[in-house]
């Protein structure tokens, strides 16, 4: 938390530092602080970078962008993710 706050003092336009600080507050259940950090981001017109993941299967790289449904196998991918999530919960996983 201290490091993120120091980074913001050095560069108030450093978007990722706001995201880290917001995540720290969220993990601690400090929702009022989360709201304050997000408001600061909005007031300064800072955007959170979209999450991107890549996976290579059979020599082909597949890119996944958060909330993007353009992949031709989106329905199958989300069905498998749902199946895996259900299985993990049955095995005792408790999401944050």
C-alpha atoms as a PDB file:
ATOM      1  CA  UNK A   1       0.000   0.000   0.000  1.00  0.00           C
ATOM      2  CA  UNK A   2       2.777   2.387   0.953  1.00  0.00           C
ATOM      3  CA  UNK A   3       4.663   1.701  -2.301  1.00  0.00           C
ATOM      4  CA  UNK A   4       1.573   2.413  -4.428  1.00  0.00           C
ATOM      5  CA  UNK A   5       0.905   5.629  -2.513  1.00  0.00           C
ATOM      6  CA  UNK A   6       4.534   6.710  -2.977  1.00  0.00           C
ATOM      7  CA  UNK A   7       4.360   5.940  -6.704  1.00  0.00           C
ATOM      8  CA  UNK A   8       1.268   8.145  -6.974  1.00  0.00           C
ATOM      9  CA  UNK A   9       3.037  10.985  -5.216  1.00  0.00           C
ATOM     10  CA  UNK A  10       5.882  10.733  -7.737  1.00  0.00           C
ATOM     11  CA  UNK A  11       3.581  10.439 -10.752  1.00  0.00           C
ATOM     12  CA  UNK A  12      -0.143  11.149 -10.242  1.00  0.00           C
ATOM     13  CA  UNK A  13      -0.833   9.977 -13.809  1.00  0.00           C
ATOM     14  CA  UNK A  14       0.527   6.461 -13.177  1.00  0.00           C
ATOM     15  CA  UNK A  15      -2.610   4.417 -13.845  1.00  0.00           C
ATOM     16  CA  UNK A  16      -1.297   0.994 -12.743  1.00  0.00           C
ATOM     17  CA  UNK A  17      -0.470   2.363  -9.273  1.00  0.00           C
ATOM     18  CA  UNK A  18      -4.140   3.287  -8.810  1.00  0.00           C
ATOM     19  CA  UNK A  19      -5.171  -0.208  -9.847  1.00  0.00           C
ATOM     20  CA  UNK A  20      -2.766  -1.782  -7.351  1.00  0.00           C
ATOM     21  CA  UNK A  21      -3.954   0.523  -4.578  1.00  0.00           C
ATOM     22  CA  UNK A  22      -7.594  -0.206  -5.422  1.00  0.00           C
ATOM     23  CA  UNK A  23      -6.916  -3.964  -5.386  1.00  0.00           C
ATOM     24  CA  UNK A  24      -5.182  -3.703  -1.996  1.00  0.00           C
ATOM     25  CA  UNK A  25      -8.165  -1.883  -0.514  1.00  0.00           C
ATOM     26  CA  UNK A  26     -10.586  -4.371  -2.101  1.00  0.00           C
ATOM     27  CA  UNK A  27      -8.671  -7.335  -0.668  1.00  0.00           C
ATOM     28  CA  UNK A  28      -8.940  -5.707   2.754  1.00  0.00           C
ATOM     29  CA  UNK A  29     -12.678  -5.125   2.298  1.00  0.00           C
ATOM     30  CA  UNK A  30     -12.200  -1.355   2.368  1.00  0.00           C
ATOM     31  CA  UNK A  31     -14.864  -0.579  -0.224  1.00  0.00           C
ATOM     32  CA  UNK A  32     -15.072   3.112   0.626  1.00  0.00           C
ATOM     33  CA  UNK A  33     -11.362   3.453  -0.116  1.00  0.00           C
ATOM     34  CA  UNK A  34     -11.806   1.497  -3.353  1.00  0.00           C
ATOM     35  CA  UNK A  35     -14.492   3.983  -4.402  1.00  0.00           C
ATOM     36  CA  UNK A  36     -12.204   6.927  -3.578  1.00  0.00           C
ATOM     37  CA  UNK A  37      -9.329   5.515  -5.628  1.00  0.00           C
ATOM     38  CA  UNK A  38     -11.609   4.770  -8.581  1.00  0.00           C
ATOM     39  CA  UNK A  39     -13.053   8.283  -8.383  1.00  0.00           C
ATOM     40  CA  UNK A  40      -9.538   9.722  -8.469  1.00  0.00           C
ATOM     41  CA  UNK A  41      -8.855   7.655 -11.580  1.00  0.00           C
ATOM     42  CA  UNK A  42     -12.053   8.908 -13.215  1.00  0.00           C
ATOM     43  CA  UNK A  43     -11.353  12.529 -12.226  1.00  0.00           C
ATOM     44  CA  UNK A  44      -7.901  12.263 -13.806  1.00  0.00           C
ATOM     45  CA  UNK A  45      -9.272  10.471 -16.897  1.00  0.00           C
ATOM     46  CA  UNK A  46      -7.106   7.431 -16.225  1.00  0.00           C
ATOM     47  CA  UNK A  47      -8.217   4.072 -17.555  1.00  0.00           C
ATOM     48  CA  UNK A  48      -7.387   0.618 -16.305  1.00  0.00           C
ATOM     49  CA  UNK A  49      -5.594  -1.371 -18.969  1.00  0.00           C
ATOM     50  CA  UNK A  50      -7.651  -4.219 -20.327  1.00  0.00           C
ATOM     51  CA  UNK A  51      -6.549  -7.653 -19.151  1.00  0.00           C
ATOM     52  CA  UNK A  52      -4.987  -9.816 -21.860  1.00  0.00           C
ATOM     53  CA  UNK A  53      -3.935 -13.457 -21.755  1.00  0.00           C
ATOM     54  CA  UNK A  54      -2.266 -15.676 -24.323  1.00  0.00           C
ATOM     55  CA  UNK A  55      -2.104 -19.423 -24.656  1.00  0.00           C
ATOM     56  CA  UNK A  56      -0.288 -21.511 -27.230  1.00  0.00           C
ATOM     57  CA  UNK A  57      -1.973 -24.700 -28.405  1.00  0.00           C
ATOM     58  CA  UNK A  58      -0.478 -26.851 -31.156  1.00  0.00           C
ATOM     59  CA  UNK A  59       1.869 -24.058 -32.224  1.00  0.00           C
ATOM     60  CA  UNK A  60      -0.919 -21.489 -32.539  1.00  0.00           C
ATOM     61  CA  UNK A  61      -1.173 -18.534 -30.141  1.00  0.00           C
ATOM     62  CA  UNK A  62      -4.654 -17.586 -28.940  1.00  0.00           C
ATOM     63  CA  UNK A  63      -5.191 -14.153 -27.393  1.00  0.00           C
ATOM     64  CA  UNK A  64      -7.981 -13.445 -24.919  1.00  0.00           C
ATOM     65  CA  UNK A  65      -8.996  -9.935 -23.937  1.00  0.00           C
ATOM     66  CA  UNK A  66     -11.215  -9.299 -20.919  1.00  0.00           C
ATOM     67  CA  UNK A  67     -14.898  -9.049 -21.856  1.00  0.00           C
ATOM     68  CA  UNK A  68     -14.135  -9.766 -25.531  1.00  0.00           C
ATOM     69  CA  UNK A  69     -16.394 -12.325 -27.146  1.00  0.00           C
ATOM     70  CA  UNK A  70     -14.940 -12.213 -30.669  1.00  0.00           C
ATOM     71  CA  UNK A  71     -13.005 -15.496 -30.440  1.00  0.00           C
ATOM     72  CA  UNK A  72     -14.684 -18.058 -32.716  1.00  0.00           C
ATOM     73  CA  UNK A  73     -14.901 -20.571 -29.868  1.00  0.00           C
ATOM     74  CA  UNK A  74     -16.106 -18.164 -27.166  1.00  0.00           C
ATOM     75  CA  UNK A  75     -19.129 -20.275 -26.232  1.00  0.00           C
ATOM     76  CA  UNK A  76     -17.062 -23.459 -25.820  1.00  0.00           C
ATOM     77  CA  UNK A  77     -14.363 -21.601 -23.870  1.00  0.00           C
ATOM     78  CA  UNK A  78     -16.831 -20.122 -21.395  1.00  0.00           C
ATOM     79  CA  UNK A  79     -18.606 -23.456 -21.021  1.00  0.00           C
ATOM     80  CA  UNK A  80     -15.287 -25.106 -20.134  1.00  0.00           C
ATOM     81  CA  UNK A  81     -14.399 -22.306 -17.717  1.00  0.00           C
ATOM     82  CA  UNK A  82     -17.764 -22.745 -16.011  1.00  0.00           C
ATOM     83  CA  UNK A  83     -17.210 -26.498 -15.763  1.00  0.00           C
ATOM     84  CA  UNK A  84     -13.748 -25.977 -14.271  1.00  0.00           C
ATOM     85  CA  UNK A  85     -15.034 -23.369 -11.813  1.00  0.00           C
ATOM     86  CA  UNK A  86     -17.786 -25.713 -10.637  1.00  0.00           C
ATOM     87  CA  UNK A  87     -15.255 -28.540 -10.232  1.00  0.00           C
ATOM     88  CA  UNK A  88     -12.869 -26.334  -8.227  1.00  0.00           C
ATOM     89  CA  UNK A  89     -15.702 -25.285  -5.895  1.00  0.00           C
ATOM     90  CA  UNK A  90     -16.680 -28.938  -5.396  1.00  0.00           C
ATOM     91  CA  UNK A  91     -13.057 -29.610  -4.449  1.00  0.00           C
ATOM     92  CA  UNK A  92     -13.167 -26.872  -1.798  1.00  0.00           C
ATOM     93  CA  UNK A  93     -11.978 -23.763  -3.629  1.00  0.00           C
ATOM     94  CA  UNK A  94     -13.577 -20.591  -2.264  1.00  0.00           C
ATOM     95  CA  UNK A  95     -13.195 -17.577  -4.570  1.00  0.00           C
ATOM     96  CA  UNK A  96     -12.163 -14.213  -3.091  1.00  0.00           C
END
